[in-house]
């Protein structure tokens, strides 16, 4: 297993540690959860960069990377809804998009096609990571920055979801 894939696996392993720290409560565990989430989120960029830079992209890494992102974001959404006043409906929208696109990608691959991440999907991941990080900061109450980042994350999340479905139709039609 190459280094970029090991970084991806470490991101997956960080998910339960992040959740445990977040649920411990108190300032230091909350800050530790925030830092771990931010580092895990940044590792998403690092693993892809190293794989491309060193020309060692692997099917395993390409498969695990979106899974790691989704596990991290969904775990954070659970924490945010439960502990930080994050709106449940927004978490459901984000999680539903993630599930729908994962299912779509799996179907396309099963049919022998490919549906790689697009620039808007990468932007979506970055915006979601930034939004979650902001919401994890132990502010007293959500402020306008929280709501602005949430609105941006929802917009990019929905946009990238629609884009995936449009691209999937094109891939399917090209295979027919």
C-alpha atoms as a PDB file:
ATOM      1  CA  UNK A   1       0.000   0.000   0.000  1.00  0.00           C
ATOM      2  CA  UNK A   2       1.542   3.294  -1.087  1.00  0.00           C
ATOM      3  CA  UNK A   3       1.856   6.403   1.117  1.00  0.00           C
ATOM      4  CA  UNK A   4      -1.140   8.295  -0.325  1.00  0.00           C
ATOM      5  CA  UNK A   5      -3.378   5.281   0.311  1.00  0.00           C
ATOM      6  CA  UNK A   6      -1.973   4.965   3.837  1.00  0.00           C
ATOM      7  CA  UNK A   7      -2.914   8.615   4.429  1.00  0.00           C
ATOM      8  CA  UNK A   8      -6.436   7.852   3.217  1.00  0.00           C
ATOM      9  CA  UNK A   9      -6.667   4.835   5.542  1.00  0.00           C
ATOM     10  CA  UNK A  10      -5.447   7.016   8.420  1.00  0.00           C
ATOM     11  CA  UNK A  11      -8.251   9.475   7.616  1.00  0.00           C
ATOM     12  CA  UNK A  12     -10.757   6.632   7.930  1.00  0.00           C
ATOM     13  CA  UNK A  13      -9.169   5.549  11.220  1.00  0.00           C
ATOM     14  CA  UNK A  14      -9.415   9.127  12.514  1.00  0.00           C
ATOM     15  CA  UNK A  15     -13.223   9.145  12.229  1.00  0.00           C
ATOM     16  CA  UNK A  16     -14.059   7.221  15.446  1.00  0.00           C
ATOM     17  CA  UNK A  17     -11.301   9.051  17.335  1.00  0.00           C
ATOM     18  CA  UNK A  18     -12.755  12.386  16.196  1.00  0.00           C
ATOM     19  CA  UNK A  19     -16.255  11.361  17.304  1.00  0.00           C
ATOM     20  CA  UNK A  20     -15.036  10.087  20.678  1.00  0.00           C
ATOM     21  CA  UNK A  21     -13.169  13.330  21.357  1.00  0.00           C
ATOM     22  CA  UNK A  22     -16.167  15.426  20.320  1.00  0.00           C
ATOM     23  CA  UNK A  23     -18.456  13.514  22.674  1.00  0.00           C
ATOM     24  CA  UNK A  24     -16.081  13.707  25.631  1.00  0.00           C
ATOM     25  CA  UNK A  25     -17.050  17.350  26.031  1.00  0.00           C
ATOM     26  CA  UNK A  26     -15.013  20.038  27.678  1.00  0.00           C
ATOM     27  CA  UNK A  27     -12.724  22.543  26.037  1.00  0.00           C
ATOM     28  CA  UNK A  28      -9.636  20.410  25.389  1.00  0.00           C
ATOM     29  CA  UNK A  29     -11.383  17.365  23.902  1.00  0.00           C
ATOM     30  CA  UNK A  30     -13.480  19.719  21.749  1.00  0.00           C
ATOM     31  CA  UNK A  31     -10.377  21.524  20.530  1.00  0.00           C
ATOM     32  CA  UNK A  32      -8.639  18.174  19.940  1.00  0.00           C
ATOM     33  CA  UNK A  33     -11.646  16.984  17.889  1.00  0.00           C
ATOM     34  CA  UNK A  34     -11.533  20.222  15.891  1.00  0.00           C
ATOM     35  CA  UNK A  35      -7.799  19.877  15.207  1.00  0.00           C
ATOM     36  CA  UNK A  36      -8.141  16.195  14.288  1.00  0.00           C
ATOM     37  CA  UNK A  37     -10.992  17.005  11.896  1.00  0.00           C
ATOM     38  CA  UNK A  38      -8.981  19.835  10.299  1.00  0.00           C
ATOM     39  CA  UNK A  39      -5.896  17.630   9.898  1.00  0.00           C
ATOM     40  CA  UNK A  40      -7.966  14.755   8.504  1.00  0.00           C
ATOM     41  CA  UNK A  41      -9.671  17.164   6.115  1.00  0.00           C
ATOM     42  CA  UNK A  42      -6.327  18.554   4.961  1.00  0.00           C
ATOM     43  CA  UNK A  43      -5.047  15.017   4.430  1.00  0.00           C
ATOM     44  CA  UNK A  44      -7.640  14.670   1.667  1.00  0.00           C
ATOM     45  CA  UNK A  45      -5.692  17.217  -0.348  1.00  0.00           C
ATOM     46  CA  UNK A  46      -2.323  15.715   0.625  1.00  0.00           C
ATOM     47  CA  UNK A  47      -3.052  12.124  -0.408  1.00  0.00           C
ATOM     48  CA  UNK A  48      -4.363  13.159  -3.823  1.00  0.00           C
ATOM     49  CA  UNK A  49      -1.492  15.566  -4.391  1.00  0.00           C
ATOM     50  CA  UNK A  50       1.140  12.945  -3.524  1.00  0.00           C
ATOM     51  CA  UNK A  51      -0.520  10.252  -5.644  1.00  0.00           C
ATOM     52  CA  UNK A  52      -0.587  12.538  -8.687  1.00  0.00           C
ATOM     53  CA  UNK A  53       2.851  14.076  -8.055  1.00  0.00           C
ATOM     54  CA  UNK A  54       4.546  10.705  -7.664  1.00  0.00           C
ATOM     55  CA  UNK A  55       2.364   9.074 -10.352  1.00  0.00           C
ATOM     56  CA  UNK A  56       1.269   6.323  -7.949  1.00  0.00           C
ATOM     57  CA  UNK A  57      -2.487   6.662  -8.163  1.00  0.00           C
ATOM     58  CA  UNK A  58      -4.112   3.346  -7.360  1.00  0.00           C
ATOM     59  CA  UNK A  59      -7.591   1.917  -7.767  1.00  0.00           C
ATOM     60  CA  UNK A  60      -7.644   1.207  -4.038  1.00  0.00           C
ATOM     61  CA  UNK A  61      -6.777   4.810  -3.230  1.00  0.00           C
ATOM     62  CA  UNK A  62      -9.317   6.126  -5.728  1.00  0.00           C
ATOM     63  CA  UNK A  63     -11.982   3.914  -4.161  1.00  0.00           C
ATOM     64  CA  UNK A  64     -11.129   4.644  -0.533  1.00  0.00           C
ATOM     65  CA  UNK A  65     -10.686   8.414  -0.876  1.00  0.00           C
ATOM     66  CA  UNK A  66     -14.363   9.331  -1.392  1.00  0.00           C
ATOM     67  CA  UNK A  67     -15.362   6.818   1.290  1.00  0.00           C
ATOM     68  CA  UNK A  68     -12.967   8.454   3.742  1.00  0.00           C
ATOM     69  CA  UNK A  69     -14.337  11.906   2.906  1.00  0.00           C
ATOM     70  CA  UNK A  70     -17.929  10.795   3.342  1.00  0.00           C
ATOM     71  CA  UNK A  71     -17.276   8.985   6.623  1.00  0.00           C
ATOM     72  CA  UNK A  72     -15.499  12.018   8.034  1.00  0.00           C
ATOM     73  CA  UNK A  73     -18.154  14.505   6.947  1.00  0.00           C
ATOM     74  CA  UNK A  74     -21.118  12.347   8.010  1.00  0.00           C
ATOM     75  CA  UNK A  75     -19.556  11.674  11.426  1.00  0.00           C
ATOM     76  CA  UNK A  76     -18.993  15.410  11.812  1.00  0.00           C
ATOM     77  CA  UNK A  77     -22.592  16.147  10.791  1.00  0.00           C
ATOM     78  CA  UNK A  78     -23.858  13.778  13.488  1.00  0.00           C
ATOM     79  CA  UNK A  79     -21.687  15.568  16.053  1.00  0.00           C
ATOM     80  CA  UNK A  80     -22.765  18.992  14.812  1.00  0.00           C
ATOM     81  CA  UNK A  81     -26.480  18.200  14.887  1.00  0.00           C
ATOM     82  CA  UNK A  82     -26.219  16.580  18.302  1.00  0.00           C
ATOM     83  CA  UNK A  83     -23.908  19.045  20.026  1.00  0.00           C
ATOM     84  CA  UNK A  84     -23.639  22.304  18.086  1.00  0.00           C
ATOM     85  CA  UNK A  85     -27.111  23.335  16.951  1.00  0.00           C
ATOM     86  CA  UNK A  86     -26.521  22.400  13.322  1.00  0.00           C
ATOM     87  CA  UNK A  87     -29.851  22.102  11.474  1.00  0.00           C
ATOM     88  CA  UNK A  88     -30.887  18.477  10.993  1.00  0.00           C
ATOM     89  CA  UNK A  89     -32.504  19.225   7.626  1.00  0.00           C
ATOM     90  CA  UNK A  90     -29.170  20.558   6.275  1.00  0.00           C
ATOM     91  CA  UNK A  91     -27.325  17.480   7.523  1.00  0.00           C
ATOM     92  CA  UNK A  92     -29.924  15.283   5.817  1.00  0.00           C
ATOM     93  CA  UNK A  93     -29.524  17.176   2.514  1.00  0.00           C
ATOM     94  CA  UNK A  94     -25.736  16.783   2.623  1.00  0.00           C
ATOM     95  CA  UNK A  95     -25.858  13.117   3.669  1.00  0.00           C
ATOM     96  CA  UNK A  96     -28.521  12.296   1.060  1.00  0.00           C
ATOM     97  CA  UNK A  97     -26.392  13.820  -1.710  1.00  0.00           C
ATOM     98  CA  UNK A  98     -23.393  11.814  -0.537  1.00  0.00           C
ATOM     99  CA  UNK A  99     -25.401   8.576  -0.494  1.00  0.00           C
ATOM    100  CA  UNK A 100     -27.004   9.252  -3.885  1.00  0.00           C
ATOM    101  CA  UNK A 101     -23.711  10.055  -5.592  1.00  0.00           C
ATOM    102  CA  UNK A 102     -21.993   7.049  -3.983  1.00  0.00           C
ATOM    103  CA  UNK A 103     -24.734   4.780  -5.275  1.00  0.00           C
ATOM    104  CA  UNK A 104     -24.593   6.374  -8.700  1.00  0.00           C
ATOM    105  CA  UNK A 105     -20.821   5.987  -8.936  1.00  0.00           C
ATOM    106  CA  UNK A 106     -21.024   2.358  -7.832  1.00  0.00           C
ATOM    107  CA  UNK A 107     -23.661   1.648 -10.486  1.00  0.00           C
ATOM    108  CA  UNK A 108     -21.634   3.288 -13.251  1.00  0.00           C
ATOM    109  CA  UNK A 109     -18.526   1.320 -12.244  1.00  0.00           C
ATOM    110  CA  UNK A 110     -20.551  -1.918 -12.117  1.00  0.00           C
ATOM    111  CA  UNK A 111     -21.669  -1.226 -15.684  1.00  0.00           C
ATOM    112  CA  UNK A 112     -18.038  -0.827 -16.749  1.00  0.00           C
ATOM    113  CA  UNK A 113     -17.967   2.973 -16.808  1.00  0.00           C
ATOM    114  CA  UNK A 114     -16.056   5.536 -14.843  1.00  0.00           C
ATOM    115  CA  UNK A 115     -17.266   8.660 -13.061  1.00  0.00           C
ATOM    116  CA  UNK A 116     -14.203  10.398 -11.613  1.00  0.00           C
ATOM    117  CA  UNK A 117     -14.411  13.383  -9.292  1.00  0.00           C
ATOM    118  CA  UNK A 118     -14.929  16.692 -11.010  1.00  0.00           C
ATOM    119  CA  UNK A 119     -13.608  20.118 -10.061  1.00  0.00           C
ATOM    120  CA  UNK A 120     -16.964  21.084  -8.540  1.00  0.00           C
ATOM    121  CA  UNK A 121     -16.979  17.859  -6.490  1.00  0.00           C
ATOM    122  CA  UNK A 122     -13.508  18.682  -5.174  1.00  0.00           C
ATOM    123  CA  UNK A 123     -14.685  22.217  -4.389  1.00  0.00           C
ATOM    124  CA  UNK A 124     -17.706  20.703  -2.608  1.00  0.00           C
ATOM    125  CA  UNK A 125     -15.447  18.626  -0.391  1.00  0.00           C
ATOM    126  CA  UNK A 126     -13.281  21.644   0.445  1.00  0.00           C
ATOM    127  CA  UNK A 127     -16.287  23.849   1.229  1.00  0.00           C
ATOM    128  CA  UNK A 128     -17.873  21.118   3.363  1.00  0.00           C
ATOM    129  CA  UNK A 129     -14.610  20.641   5.279  1.00  0.00           C
ATOM    130  CA  UNK A 130     -14.301  24.401   5.860  1.00  0.00           C
ATOM    131  CA  UNK A 131     -17.943  24.659   6.933  1.00  0.00           C
ATOM    132  CA  UNK A 132     -17.692  21.740   9.355  1.00  0.00           C
ATOM    133  CA  UNK A 133     -14.430  23.076  10.787  1.00  0.00           C
ATOM    134  CA  UNK A 134     -16.055  26.465  11.412  1.00  0.00           C
ATOM    135  CA  UNK A 135     -19.044  24.828  13.091  1.00  0.00           C
ATOM    136  CA  UNK A 136     -16.719  22.752  15.298  1.00  0.00           C
ATOM    137  CA  UNK A 137     -14.962  25.823  16.679  1.00  0.00           C
ATOM    138  CA  UNK A 138     -16.343  26.197  20.201  1.00  0.00           C
ATOM    139  CA  UNK A 139     -18.221  29.486  19.708  1.00  0.00           C
ATOM    140  CA  UNK A 140     -20.908  30.356  22.209  1.00  0.00           C
ATOM    141  CA  UNK A 141     -23.643  30.434  19.544  1.00  0.00           C
ATOM    142  CA  UNK A 142     -23.801  30.113  15.761  1.00  0.00           C
ATOM    143  CA  UNK A 143     -22.970  33.440  14.125  1.00  0.00           C
ATOM    144  CA  UNK A 144     -23.442  34.813  10.583  1.00  0.00           C
ATOM    145  CA  UNK A 145     -20.238  33.060   9.467  1.00  0.00           C
ATOM    146  CA  UNK A 146     -21.781  29.705  10.360  1.00  0.00           C
ATOM    147  CA  UNK A 147     -24.895  30.373   8.285  1.00  0.00           C
ATOM    148  CA  UNK A 148     -22.955  31.795   5.341  1.00  0.00           C
ATOM    149  CA  UNK A 149     -20.680  28.748   5.172  1.00  0.00           C
ATOM    150  CA  UNK A 150     -23.675  26.434   5.571  1.00  0.00           C
ATOM    151  CA  UNK A 151     -25.484  28.146   2.679  1.00  0.00           C
ATOM    152  CA  UNK A 152     -22.374  27.930   0.502  1.00  0.00           C
ATOM    153  CA  UNK A 153     -21.854  24.262   1.412  1.00  0.00           C
ATOM    154  CA  UNK A 154     -25.470  23.433   0.562  1.00  0.00           C
ATOM    155  CA  UNK A 155     -25.251  25.276  -2.752  1.00  0.00           C
ATOM    156  CA  UNK A 156     -22.035  23.529  -3.837  1.00  0.00           C
ATOM    157  CA  UNK A 157     -23.276  20.177  -2.500  1.00  0.00           C
ATOM    158  CA  UNK A 158     -26.462  20.331  -4.554  1.00  0.00           C
ATOM    159  CA  UNK A 159     -24.672  21.714  -7.629  1.00  0.00           C
ATOM    160  CA  UNK A 160     -22.113  18.911  -7.603  1.00  0.00           C
ATOM    161  CA  UNK A 161     -24.859  16.326  -7.072  1.00  0.00           C
ATOM    162  CA  UNK A 162     -26.765  17.543 -10.115  1.00  0.00           C
ATOM    163  CA  UNK A 163     -23.528  17.626 -12.108  1.00  0.00           C
ATOM    164  CA  UNK A 164     -22.800  13.977 -11.206  1.00  0.00           C
ATOM    165  CA  UNK A 165     -26.226  12.870 -12.376  1.00  0.00           C
ATOM    166  CA  UNK A 166     -25.878  14.807 -15.658  1.00  0.00           C
ATOM    167  CA  UNK A 167     -22.448  13.254 -16.240  1.00  0.00           C
ATOM    168  CA  UNK A 168     -23.784   9.785 -15.369  1.00  0.00           C
ATOM    169  CA  UNK A 169     -26.485  10.101 -18.022  1.00  0.00           C
ATOM    170  CA  UNK A 170     -23.820  11.082 -20.553  1.00  0.00           C
ATOM    171  CA  UNK A 171     -21.632   8.117 -19.556  1.00  0.00           C
ATOM    172  CA  UNK A 172     -24.596   5.745 -19.791  1.00  0.00           C
ATOM    173  CA  UNK A 173     -25.645   7.079 -23.200  1.00  0.00           C
ATOM    174  CA  UNK A 174     -22.076   6.776 -24.492  1.00  0.00           C
ATOM    175  CA  UNK A 175     -22.039   3.104 -23.463  1.00  0.00           C
ATOM    176  CA  UNK A 176     -25.367   2.277 -25.169  1.00  0.00           C
END
